[in-house]
Amino acid sequence: MKKYKVVISREALDMLKEHMAFLANVSKKAATKTKNDILESINDLSSMPQKYPFFNEPYIPQNKNNEMQQKF
């Protein structure tokens, strides 16, 4: 099976870190689950890059990069 490189921008990584820190203050269990879900999704993208299609909502600008916006 072909593996693809998943690139996460510095801005996205910083936002994830902030989100996880906030969530951990609310619920460590929820933060752990969310972190595991994100890591699983990143792993999924390495073998199935089309798994998470773009948002098709008119208020969300189109992005040429595949993002996991739909799941999270």
C-alpha atoms as a PDB file:
ATOM      1  CA  MET A   1       0.000   0.000   0.000  1.00  0.00           C
ATOM      2  CA  LYS A   2       1.337   3.412  -0.950  1.00  0.00           C
ATOM      3  CA  LYS A   3       2.033   5.819   1.917  1.00  0.00           C
ATOM      4  CA  TYR A   4       1.674   9.578   1.559  1.00  0.00           C
ATOM      5  CA  LYS A   5       3.415  12.252   3.581  1.00  0.00           C
ATOM      6  CA  VAL A   6       0.940  14.201   5.714  1.00  0.00           C
ATOM      7  CA  VAL A   7       2.054  17.808   6.130  1.00  0.00           C
ATOM      8  CA  ILE A   8       0.654  19.817   9.022  1.00  0.00           C
ATOM      9  CA  SER A   9       1.335  23.533   8.891  1.00  0.00           C
ATOM     10  CA  ARG A  10       2.964  25.229  11.870  1.00  0.00           C
ATOM     11  CA  GLU A  11      -0.194  27.339  12.276  1.00  0.00           C
ATOM     12  CA  ALA A  12      -2.421  24.241  12.356  1.00  0.00           C
ATOM     13  CA  LEU A  13      -0.105  22.503  14.819  1.00  0.00           C
ATOM     14  CA  ASP A  14      -0.100  25.561  17.091  1.00  0.00           C
ATOM     15  CA  MET A  15      -3.893  25.715  16.954  1.00  0.00           C
ATOM     16  CA  LEU A  16      -4.149  22.010  17.827  1.00  0.00           C
ATOM     17  CA  LYS A  17      -1.808  22.492  20.784  1.00  0.00           C
ATOM     18  CA  GLU A  18      -3.891  25.403  22.080  1.00  0.00           C
ATOM     19  CA  HIS A  19      -7.097  23.435  21.631  1.00  0.00           C
ATOM     20  CA  MET A  20      -5.681  20.397  23.429  1.00  0.00           C
ATOM     21  CA  ALA A  21      -4.398  22.515  26.323  1.00  0.00           C
ATOM     22  CA  PHE A  22      -7.813  24.169  26.717  1.00  0.00           C
ATOM     23  CA  LEU A  23      -9.634  20.840  26.477  1.00  0.00           C
ATOM     24  CA  ALA A  24      -7.287  19.210  29.010  1.00  0.00           C
ATOM     25  CA  ASN A  25      -8.250  21.903  31.512  1.00  0.00           C
ATOM     26  CA  VAL A  26     -11.897  20.993  31.004  1.00  0.00           C
ATOM     27  CA  SER A  27     -11.564  17.209  30.721  1.00  0.00           C
ATOM     28  CA  LYS A  28      -8.390  15.154  30.544  1.00  0.00           C
ATOM     29  CA  LYS A  29     -10.414  12.198  29.244  1.00  0.00           C
ATOM     30  CA  ALA A  30     -11.870  14.271  26.399  1.00  0.00           C
ATOM     31  CA  ALA A  31      -8.432  15.690  25.579  1.00  0.00           C
ATOM     32  CA  THR A  32      -6.922  12.205  25.408  1.00  0.00           C
ATOM     33  CA  LYS A  33      -9.728  10.947  23.166  1.00  0.00           C
ATOM     34  CA  THR A  34      -9.471  13.967  20.882  1.00  0.00           C
ATOM     35  CA  LYS A  35      -5.683  13.613  20.638  1.00  0.00           C
ATOM     36  CA  ASN A  36      -6.033   9.938  19.764  1.00  0.00           C
ATOM     37  CA  ASP A  37      -8.726  10.731  17.167  1.00  0.00           C
ATOM     38  CA  ILE A  38      -6.484  13.355  15.557  1.00  0.00           C
ATOM     39  CA  LEU A  39      -3.478  11.012  15.447  1.00  0.00           C
ATOM     40  CA  GLU A  40      -5.635   8.240  13.976  1.00  0.00           C
ATOM     41  CA  SER A  41      -6.957  10.625  11.324  1.00  0.00           C
ATOM     42  CA  ILE A  42      -3.436  11.727  10.408  1.00  0.00           C
ATOM     43  CA  ASN A  43      -2.439   8.089  10.092  1.00  0.00           C
ATOM     44  CA  ASP A  44      -5.515   7.397   7.938  1.00  0.00           C
ATOM     45  CA  LEU A  45      -4.581  10.266   5.617  1.00  0.00           C
ATOM     46  CA  SER A  46      -1.145   8.740   5.035  1.00  0.00           C
ATOM     47  CA  SER A  47      -2.784   5.806   3.272  1.00  0.00           C
ATOM     48  CA  MET A  48      -6.102   7.348   2.151  1.00  0.00           C
ATOM     49  CA  PRO A  49      -5.513  11.043   1.346  1.00  0.00           C
ATOM     50  CA  GLN A  50      -9.028  11.549  -0.035  1.00  0.00           C
ATOM     51  CA  LYS A  51     -10.732  10.284   3.124  1.00  0.00           C
ATOM     52  CA  TYR A  52     -11.538  13.761   4.420  1.00  0.00           C
ATOM     53  CA  PRO A  53     -12.904  15.866   1.552  1.00  0.00           C
ATOM     54  CA  PHE A  54     -13.118  19.639   1.637  1.00  0.00           C
ATOM     55  CA  PHE A  55     -15.988  21.520   3.184  1.00  0.00           C
ATOM     56  CA  ASN A  56     -18.513  22.514   0.581  1.00  0.00           C
ATOM     57  CA  GLU A  57     -20.212  25.197   2.645  1.00  0.00           C
ATOM     58  CA  PRO A  58     -20.509  28.643   1.052  1.00  0.00           C
ATOM     59  CA  TYR A  59     -19.220  30.450   4.152  1.00  0.00           C
ATOM     60  CA  ILE A  60     -15.995  28.405   4.334  1.00  0.00           C
ATOM     61  CA  PRO A  61     -13.291  29.473   1.865  1.00  0.00           C
ATOM     62  CA  GLN A  62     -11.998  26.746  -0.398  1.00  0.00           C
ATOM     63  CA  ASN A  63      -8.544  25.457   0.470  1.00  0.00           C
ATOM     64  CA  LYS A  64      -6.395  23.585  -2.017  1.00  0.00           C
ATOM     65  CA  ASN A  65      -4.949  21.372   0.743  1.00  0.00           C
ATOM     66  CA  ASN A  66      -6.789  18.386   2.156  1.00  0.00           C
ATOM     67  CA  GLU A  67      -7.773  19.159   5.735  1.00  0.00           C
ATOM     68  CA  MET A  68      -9.621  17.161   8.332  1.00  0.00           C
ATOM     69  CA  GLN A  69     -12.097  19.962   8.838  1.00  0.00           C
ATOM     70  CA  GLN A  70     -15.077  17.682   8.384  1.00  0.00           C
ATOM     71  CA  LYS A  71     -14.170  15.361  11.225  1.00  0.00           C
ATOM     72  CA  PHE A  72     -13.197  18.021  13.726  1.00  0.00           C
END
